[in-house]
């Protein structure tokens, strides 16, 4: 197992790893729509939060030599499932339409920082040189 934390993630001193690699799978911890390096959510509602959440996921993937094309499973947690269409409008723009990851979603309350959305995902690492 490999526990992964970027310097920015380490600076926040959060009680979890940004990601953990086990074999050929990178497990990303849940991501929120916070501004990178801070615990402050972006303003602008669900679409802005969704976009920032996806950008935060993309940054972790990139730091590990991966992209959204490597993501095979996503779990979505939303404070208000009525905002599902607003979330999906942003979400689908990050993936090739023919390669959408498997996905689960559920409504919940009490997400960290008062977020409207949290996503966790798994990505295939494959063989590296």
N, C-alpha and C. Protein backbone atom coordinates (compact mmCIF):
# COMPACT_ATOMS: atom_id res chain seq x y z
N UNK A 1 0.84 -1.19 0.00
CA UNK A 1 0.00 0.00 0.00
C UNK A 1 0.88 1.24 0.00
N UNK A 2 0.37 2.26 -0.66
CA UNK A 2 1.07 3.53 -0.71
C UNK A 2 0.09 4.62 -0.31
N UNK A 3 0.43 5.38 0.74
CA UNK A 3 -0.41 6.47 1.22
C UNK A 3 0.09 7.76 0.60
N UNK A 4 -0.82 8.52 -0.02
CA UNK A 4 -0.44 9.67 -0.84
C UNK A 4 -1.05 10.95 -0.30
N UNK A 5 -0.18 11.96 -0.11
CA UNK A 5 -0.61 13.31 0.29
C UNK A 5 0.31 14.31 -0.38
N UNK A 6 -0.24 15.22 -1.15
CA UNK A 6 0.56 16.29 -1.75
C UNK A 6 1.00 17.25 -0.64
N UNK A 7 1.99 18.07 -0.89
CA UNK A 7 2.39 19.06 0.11
C UNK A 7 1.22 19.97 0.54
N UNK A 8 0.36 20.34 -0.40
CA UNK A 8 -0.80 21.18 -0.07
C UNK A 8 -1.76 20.44 0.85
N UNK A 9 -1.97 19.16 0.59
CA UNK A 9 -2.85 18.36 1.46
C UNK A 9 -2.23 18.19 2.84
N UNK A 10 -0.93 17.98 2.89
CA UNK A 10 -0.25 17.84 4.17
C UNK A 10 -0.36 19.10 5.00
N UNK A 11 -0.29 20.26 4.34
CA UNK A 11 -0.36 21.54 5.05
C UNK A 11 -1.70 21.74 5.76
N UNK A 12 -2.76 21.13 5.24
CA UNK A 12 -4.09 21.27 5.86
C UNK A 12 -4.23 20.40 7.12
N UNK A 13 -3.33 19.42 7.27
CA UNK A 13 -3.31 18.55 8.45
C UNK A 13 -4.66 17.86 8.70
N UNK A 14 -5.23 17.33 7.63
CA UNK A 14 -6.50 16.62 7.72
C UNK A 14 -6.25 15.20 8.22
N UNK A 15 -7.24 14.59 8.88
CA UNK A 15 -7.03 13.26 9.48
C UNK A 15 -7.25 12.08 8.52
N UNK A 16 -6.84 12.23 7.27
CA UNK A 16 -6.97 11.15 6.29
C UNK A 16 -5.98 11.40 5.17
N UNK A 17 -5.71 10.37 4.39
CA UNK A 17 -4.83 10.50 3.22
C UNK A 17 -5.65 10.99 2.04
N UNK A 18 -5.00 11.75 1.19
CA UNK A 18 -5.63 12.26 -0.02
C UNK A 18 -6.02 11.09 -0.93
N UNK A 19 -5.16 10.09 -0.97
CA UNK A 19 -5.41 8.89 -1.78
C UNK A 19 -4.55 7.76 -1.22
N UNK A 20 -4.97 6.55 -1.53
CA UNK A 20 -4.20 5.36 -1.16
C UNK A 20 -4.18 4.45 -2.38
N UNK A 21 -2.99 4.01 -2.75
CA UNK A 21 -2.87 3.06 -3.85
C UNK A 21 -2.70 1.67 -3.28
N UNK A 22 -3.56 0.77 -3.74
CA UNK A 22 -3.47 -0.65 -3.38
C UNK A 22 -3.45 -1.41 -4.71
N UNK A 23 -2.33 -2.03 -5.00
CA UNK A 23 -2.21 -2.72 -6.28
C UNK A 23 -2.37 -1.76 -7.44
N UNK A 24 -3.26 -2.10 -8.34
CA UNK A 24 -3.49 -1.29 -9.54
C UNK A 24 -4.62 -0.29 -9.39
N UNK A 25 -5.06 -0.04 -8.15
CA UNK A 25 -6.17 0.87 -7.93
C UNK A 25 -5.75 2.02 -7.01
N UNK A 26 -6.10 3.24 -7.44
CA UNK A 26 -5.91 4.42 -6.62
C UNK A 26 -7.28 4.80 -6.05
N UNK A 27 -7.39 4.78 -4.73
CA UNK A 27 -8.62 5.15 -4.04
C UNK A 27 -8.49 6.59 -3.58
N UNK A 28 -9.30 7.48 -4.11
CA UNK A 28 -9.26 8.88 -3.71
C UNK A 28 -10.25 9.12 -2.59
N UNK A 29 -9.80 9.85 -1.56
CA UNK A 29 -10.72 10.25 -0.51
C UNK A 29 -11.76 11.19 -1.10
N UNK A 30 -12.87 11.34 -0.39
CA UNK A 30 -13.92 12.24 -0.85
C UNK A 30 -13.39 13.64 -1.08
N UNK A 31 -13.82 14.25 -2.16
CA UNK A 31 -13.42 15.62 -2.50
C UNK A 31 -14.64 16.53 -2.43
N UNK A 32 -14.39 17.74 -1.97
CA UNK A 32 -15.41 18.78 -1.89
C UNK A 32 -15.08 19.88 -2.88
N UNK A 33 -15.94 20.87 -2.95
CA UNK A 33 -15.72 22.02 -3.81
C UNK A 33 -14.98 23.14 -3.11
N UNK A 34 -13.94 22.78 -2.36
CA UNK A 34 -13.16 23.81 -1.67
C UNK A 34 -12.05 24.34 -2.57
N UNK A 35 -11.68 25.59 -2.32
CA UNK A 35 -10.56 26.18 -3.04
C UNK A 35 -9.30 25.40 -2.67
N UNK A 36 -8.46 25.07 -3.64
CA UNK A 36 -7.25 24.29 -3.35
C UNK A 36 -6.42 24.92 -2.24
N UNK A 37 -5.96 24.09 -1.33
CA UNK A 37 -5.12 24.54 -0.23
C UNK A 37 -5.85 25.22 0.91
N UNK A 38 -7.20 25.26 0.83
CA UNK A 38 -7.99 25.91 1.88
C UNK A 38 -9.14 24.99 2.30
N UNK A 39 -9.81 25.40 3.33
CA UNK A 39 -11.03 24.70 3.76
C UNK A 39 -12.24 25.59 3.50
N UNK A 40 -12.16 26.39 2.44
CA UNK A 40 -13.22 27.32 2.06
C UNK A 40 -13.88 26.87 0.76
N UNK A 41 -15.20 26.67 0.81
CA UNK A 41 -15.93 26.27 -0.39
C UNK A 41 -16.01 27.43 -1.37
N UNK A 42 -16.03 27.10 -2.65
CA UNK A 42 -16.20 28.13 -3.67
C UNK A 42 -17.65 28.63 -3.62
N UNK A 43 -17.87 29.91 -3.88
CA UNK A 43 -19.24 30.42 -3.94
C UNK A 43 -19.85 30.10 -5.30
N UNK A 44 -21.17 30.23 -5.40
CA UNK A 44 -21.81 30.11 -6.70
C UNK A 44 -22.78 28.96 -6.86
N UNK A 45 -23.04 28.22 -5.80
CA UNK A 45 -24.06 27.18 -5.88
C UNK A 45 -23.52 25.84 -6.36
N UNK A 46 -24.46 24.96 -6.66
CA UNK A 46 -24.13 23.57 -6.98
C UNK A 46 -23.20 23.45 -8.18
N UNK A 47 -23.46 24.17 -9.26
CA UNK A 47 -22.61 24.02 -10.43
C UNK A 47 -21.18 24.45 -10.15
N UNK A 48 -21.00 25.53 -9.42
CA UNK A 48 -19.65 25.98 -9.08
C UNK A 48 -18.96 24.98 -8.16
N UNK A 49 -19.70 24.47 -7.20
CA UNK A 49 -19.14 23.49 -6.27
C UNK A 49 -18.80 22.19 -7.01
N UNK A 50 -19.66 21.78 -7.91
CA UNK A 50 -19.41 20.56 -8.69
C UNK A 50 -18.16 20.73 -9.54
N UNK A 51 -18.04 21.87 -10.19
CA UNK A 51 -16.87 22.11 -11.05
C UNK A 51 -15.59 22.08 -10.21
N UNK A 52 -15.60 22.74 -9.05
CA UNK A 52 -14.40 22.76 -8.22
C UNK A 52 -14.09 21.38 -7.66
N UNK A 53 -15.12 20.63 -7.32
CA UNK A 53 -14.92 19.26 -6.85
C UNK A 53 -14.23 18.44 -7.93
N UNK A 54 -14.71 18.54 -9.15
CA UNK A 54 -14.11 17.79 -10.25
C UNK A 54 -12.67 18.26 -10.52
N UNK A 55 -12.43 19.56 -10.42
CA UNK A 55 -11.07 20.07 -10.60
C UNK A 55 -10.15 19.55 -9.50
N UNK A 56 -10.66 19.45 -8.27
CA UNK A 56 -9.86 18.92 -7.17
C UNK A 56 -9.52 17.45 -7.40
N UNK A 57 -10.49 16.70 -7.88
CA UNK A 57 -10.24 15.30 -8.23
C UNK A 57 -9.20 15.22 -9.34
N UNK A 58 -9.37 16.04 -10.36
CA UNK A 58 -8.44 16.06 -11.47
C UNK A 58 -7.01 16.36 -11.03
N UNK A 59 -6.85 17.24 -10.06
CA UNK A 59 -5.52 17.58 -9.55
C UNK A 59 -4.87 16.37 -8.88
N UNK A 60 -5.63 15.63 -8.08
CA UNK A 60 -5.09 14.44 -7.42
C UNK A 60 -4.72 13.40 -8.46
N UNK A 61 -5.59 13.21 -9.45
CA UNK A 61 -5.30 12.26 -10.51
C UNK A 61 -4.00 12.65 -11.23
N UNK A 62 -3.90 13.91 -11.61
CA UNK A 62 -2.73 14.39 -12.35
C UNK A 62 -1.45 14.21 -11.53
N UNK A 63 -1.51 14.52 -10.23
CA UNK A 63 -0.34 14.35 -9.36
C UNK A 63 0.14 12.90 -9.34
N UNK A 64 -0.75 11.99 -9.69
CA UNK A 64 -0.42 10.57 -9.68
C UNK A 64 -0.30 9.99 -11.08
N UNK A 65 -0.15 10.86 -12.08
CA UNK A 65 0.06 10.42 -13.45
C UNK A 65 -1.18 9.87 -14.11
N UNK A 66 -2.35 10.24 -13.62
CA UNK A 66 -3.62 9.72 -14.15
C UNK A 66 -4.49 10.86 -14.66
N UNK A 67 -5.63 10.47 -15.24
CA UNK A 67 -6.62 11.45 -15.70
C UNK A 67 -8.02 10.89 -15.46
N UNK A 68 -9.02 11.64 -15.82
CA UNK A 68 -10.40 11.17 -15.66
C UNK A 68 -10.66 9.91 -16.50
N UNK A 69 -9.87 9.69 -17.54
CA UNK A 69 -10.03 8.49 -18.35
C UNK A 69 -9.69 7.23 -17.56
N UNK A 70 -8.97 7.37 -16.46
CA UNK A 70 -8.59 6.23 -15.63
C UNK A 70 -9.59 5.93 -14.52
N UNK A 71 -10.56 6.81 -14.32
CA UNK A 71 -11.55 6.64 -13.26
C UNK A 71 -12.59 5.61 -13.70
N UNK A 72 -12.83 4.61 -12.85
CA UNK A 72 -13.80 3.57 -13.20
C UNK A 72 -14.98 3.49 -12.25
N UNK A 73 -14.92 4.18 -11.10
CA UNK A 73 -16.04 4.16 -10.14
C UNK A 73 -16.08 5.48 -9.40
N UNK A 74 -17.28 6.03 -9.27
CA UNK A 74 -17.50 7.28 -8.54
C UNK A 74 -18.67 7.09 -7.59
N UNK A 75 -18.51 7.59 -6.38
CA UNK A 75 -19.61 7.64 -5.42
C UNK A 75 -19.94 9.11 -5.17
N UNK A 76 -21.20 9.45 -5.32
CA UNK A 76 -21.67 10.83 -5.19
C UNK A 76 -22.52 10.94 -3.94
N UNK A 77 -22.21 11.92 -3.11
CA UNK A 77 -23.02 12.23 -1.92
C UNK A 77 -23.51 13.66 -2.07
N UNK A 78 -24.82 13.85 -1.97
CA UNK A 78 -25.39 15.18 -2.17
C UNK A 78 -26.30 15.55 -1.01
N UNK A 79 -26.21 16.80 -0.59
CA UNK A 79 -27.06 17.30 0.48
C UNK A 79 -28.50 17.46 0.01
N UNK A 80 -28.70 17.71 -1.29
CA UNK A 80 -30.04 17.91 -1.83
C UNK A 80 -30.13 17.24 -3.20
N UNK A 81 -30.77 16.07 -3.23
CA UNK A 81 -30.86 15.32 -4.48
C UNK A 81 -31.66 16.06 -5.56
N UNK A 82 -32.41 17.07 -5.20
CA UNK A 82 -33.14 17.87 -6.18
C UNK A 82 -32.17 18.63 -7.09
N UNK A 83 -30.92 18.75 -6.67
CA UNK A 83 -29.91 19.46 -7.47
C UNK A 83 -29.14 18.52 -8.39
N UNK A 84 -29.62 17.28 -8.48
CA UNK A 84 -28.98 16.28 -9.33
C UNK A 84 -28.75 16.77 -10.77
N UNK A 85 -29.74 17.38 -11.43
CA UNK A 85 -29.51 17.85 -12.80
C UNK A 85 -28.39 18.89 -12.89
N UNK A 86 -28.30 19.79 -11.90
CA UNK A 86 -27.24 20.80 -11.90
C UNK A 86 -25.87 20.15 -11.76
N UNK A 87 -25.79 19.13 -10.91
CA UNK A 87 -24.54 18.39 -10.74
C UNK A 87 -24.17 17.66 -12.04
N UNK A 88 -25.11 16.91 -12.60
CA UNK A 88 -24.82 16.12 -13.80
C UNK A 88 -24.39 16.98 -14.98
N UNK A 89 -24.94 18.17 -15.07
CA UNK A 89 -24.58 19.10 -16.15
C UNK A 89 -23.06 19.33 -16.17
N UNK A 90 -22.47 19.45 -15.00
CA UNK A 90 -21.03 19.66 -14.88
C UNK A 90 -20.28 18.33 -14.98
N UNK A 91 -20.73 17.34 -14.25
CA UNK A 91 -20.04 16.05 -14.14
C UNK A 91 -19.72 15.43 -15.50
N UNK A 92 -20.71 15.37 -16.37
CA UNK A 92 -20.52 14.67 -17.65
C UNK A 92 -19.47 15.33 -18.55
N UNK A 93 -19.15 16.59 -18.32
CA UNK A 93 -18.17 17.28 -19.16
C UNK A 93 -16.74 16.81 -18.88
N UNK A 94 -16.53 16.06 -17.81
CA UNK A 94 -15.19 15.60 -17.44
C UNK A 94 -14.86 14.21 -17.98
N UNK A 95 -15.80 13.56 -18.64
CA UNK A 95 -15.60 12.20 -19.11
C UNK A 95 -15.96 12.07 -20.58
N UNK A 96 -15.32 11.13 -21.25
CA UNK A 96 -15.69 10.76 -22.60
C UNK A 96 -17.07 10.10 -22.52
N UNK A 97 -18.04 10.53 -23.33
CA UNK A 97 -19.40 9.97 -23.23
C UNK A 97 -19.45 8.45 -23.35
N UNK A 98 -18.51 7.84 -24.04
CA UNK A 98 -18.50 6.40 -24.20
C UNK A 98 -17.77 5.66 -23.09
N UNK A 99 -17.22 6.42 -22.11
CA UNK A 99 -16.45 5.80 -21.03
C UNK A 99 -16.82 6.40 -19.68
N UNK A 100 -18.09 6.49 -19.41
CA UNK A 100 -18.53 7.01 -18.11
C UNK A 100 -18.28 5.95 -17.04
N UNK A 101 -17.75 6.36 -15.88
CA UNK A 101 -17.49 5.39 -14.81
C UNK A 101 -18.79 4.84 -14.23
N UNK A 102 -18.68 3.67 -13.61
CA UNK A 102 -19.80 3.17 -12.81
C UNK A 102 -20.02 4.20 -11.70
N UNK A 103 -21.26 4.32 -11.21
CA UNK A 103 -21.53 5.38 -10.24
C UNK A 103 -22.65 4.98 -9.30
N UNK A 104 -22.50 5.39 -8.06
CA UNK A 104 -23.55 5.28 -7.05
C UNK A 104 -23.77 6.67 -6.50
N UNK A 105 -24.97 6.92 -6.02
CA UNK A 105 -25.26 8.24 -5.45
C UNK A 105 -26.26 8.10 -4.33
N UNK A 106 -26.13 8.98 -3.36
CA UNK A 106 -27.13 9.02 -2.30
C UNK A 106 -27.20 10.40 -1.69
N UNK A 107 -28.35 10.71 -1.15
CA UNK A 107 -28.56 11.96 -0.45
C UNK A 107 -28.13 11.81 0.99
N UNK A 108 -27.58 12.88 1.53
CA UNK A 108 -27.12 12.84 2.92
C UNK A 108 -27.16 14.26 3.48
N UNK A 109 -26.94 14.34 4.76
CA UNK A 109 -26.82 15.67 5.35
C UNK A 109 -25.55 15.74 6.17
N UNK A 110 -25.13 16.91 6.49
CA UNK A 110 -23.96 17.09 7.32
C UNK A 110 -22.64 16.84 6.61
N UNK A 111 -22.54 17.14 5.33
CA UNK A 111 -21.24 17.00 4.65
C UNK A 111 -20.26 18.01 5.24
N UNK A 112 -18.98 17.67 5.22
CA UNK A 112 -17.95 18.54 5.77
C UNK A 112 -18.02 19.94 5.15
N UNK A 113 -17.71 20.92 5.95
CA UNK A 113 -17.68 22.34 5.56
C UNK A 113 -19.05 22.87 5.11
N UNK A 114 -20.10 22.09 5.32
CA UNK A 114 -21.42 22.51 4.84
C UNK A 114 -21.56 22.37 3.33
N UNK A 115 -20.75 21.50 2.75
CA UNK A 115 -20.75 21.32 1.29
C UNK A 115 -22.09 20.76 0.82
N UNK A 116 -22.39 21.04 -0.44
CA UNK A 116 -23.58 20.49 -1.09
C UNK A 116 -23.29 19.13 -1.72
N UNK A 117 -21.99 18.82 -1.87
CA UNK A 117 -21.57 17.70 -2.69
C UNK A 117 -20.24 17.15 -2.20
N UNK A 118 -20.11 15.82 -2.24
CA UNK A 118 -18.82 15.17 -2.01
C UNK A 118 -18.73 13.99 -2.96
N UNK A 119 -17.57 13.84 -3.58
CA UNK A 119 -17.35 12.72 -4.51
C UNK A 119 -16.10 11.97 -4.09
N UNK A 120 -16.20 10.65 -4.14
CA UNK A 120 -15.00 9.83 -4.01
C UNK A 120 -14.92 8.95 -5.24
N UNK A 121 -13.71 8.58 -5.60
CA UNK A 121 -13.60 7.77 -6.80
C UNK A 121 -12.41 6.81 -6.72
N UNK A 122 -12.44 5.89 -7.65
CA UNK A 122 -11.37 4.90 -7.80
C UNK A 122 -10.87 4.99 -9.23
N UNK A 123 -9.55 4.90 -9.37
CA UNK A 123 -8.94 4.97 -10.69
C UNK A 123 -7.98 3.82 -10.90
N UNK A 124 -7.91 3.34 -12.12
CA UNK A 124 -7.02 2.25 -12.48
C UNK A 124 -5.63 2.80 -12.74
N UNK A 125 -4.67 2.31 -12.00
CA UNK A 125 -3.29 2.76 -12.15
C UNK A 125 -2.60 2.00 -13.26
N UNK A 126 -2.83 0.71 -13.33
CA UNK A 126 -2.18 -0.10 -14.35
C UNK A 126 -0.69 -0.20 -14.10
N UNK A 127 -0.02 -0.66 -15.09
CA UNK A 127 1.42 -0.85 -14.94
C UNK A 127 2.17 0.44 -15.22
N UNK A 128 3.10 0.73 -14.33
CA UNK A 128 3.95 1.91 -14.52
C UNK A 128 5.39 1.47 -14.65
N UNK A 129 6.16 2.26 -15.34
CA UNK A 129 7.58 1.91 -15.48
C UNK A 129 8.39 2.44 -14.33
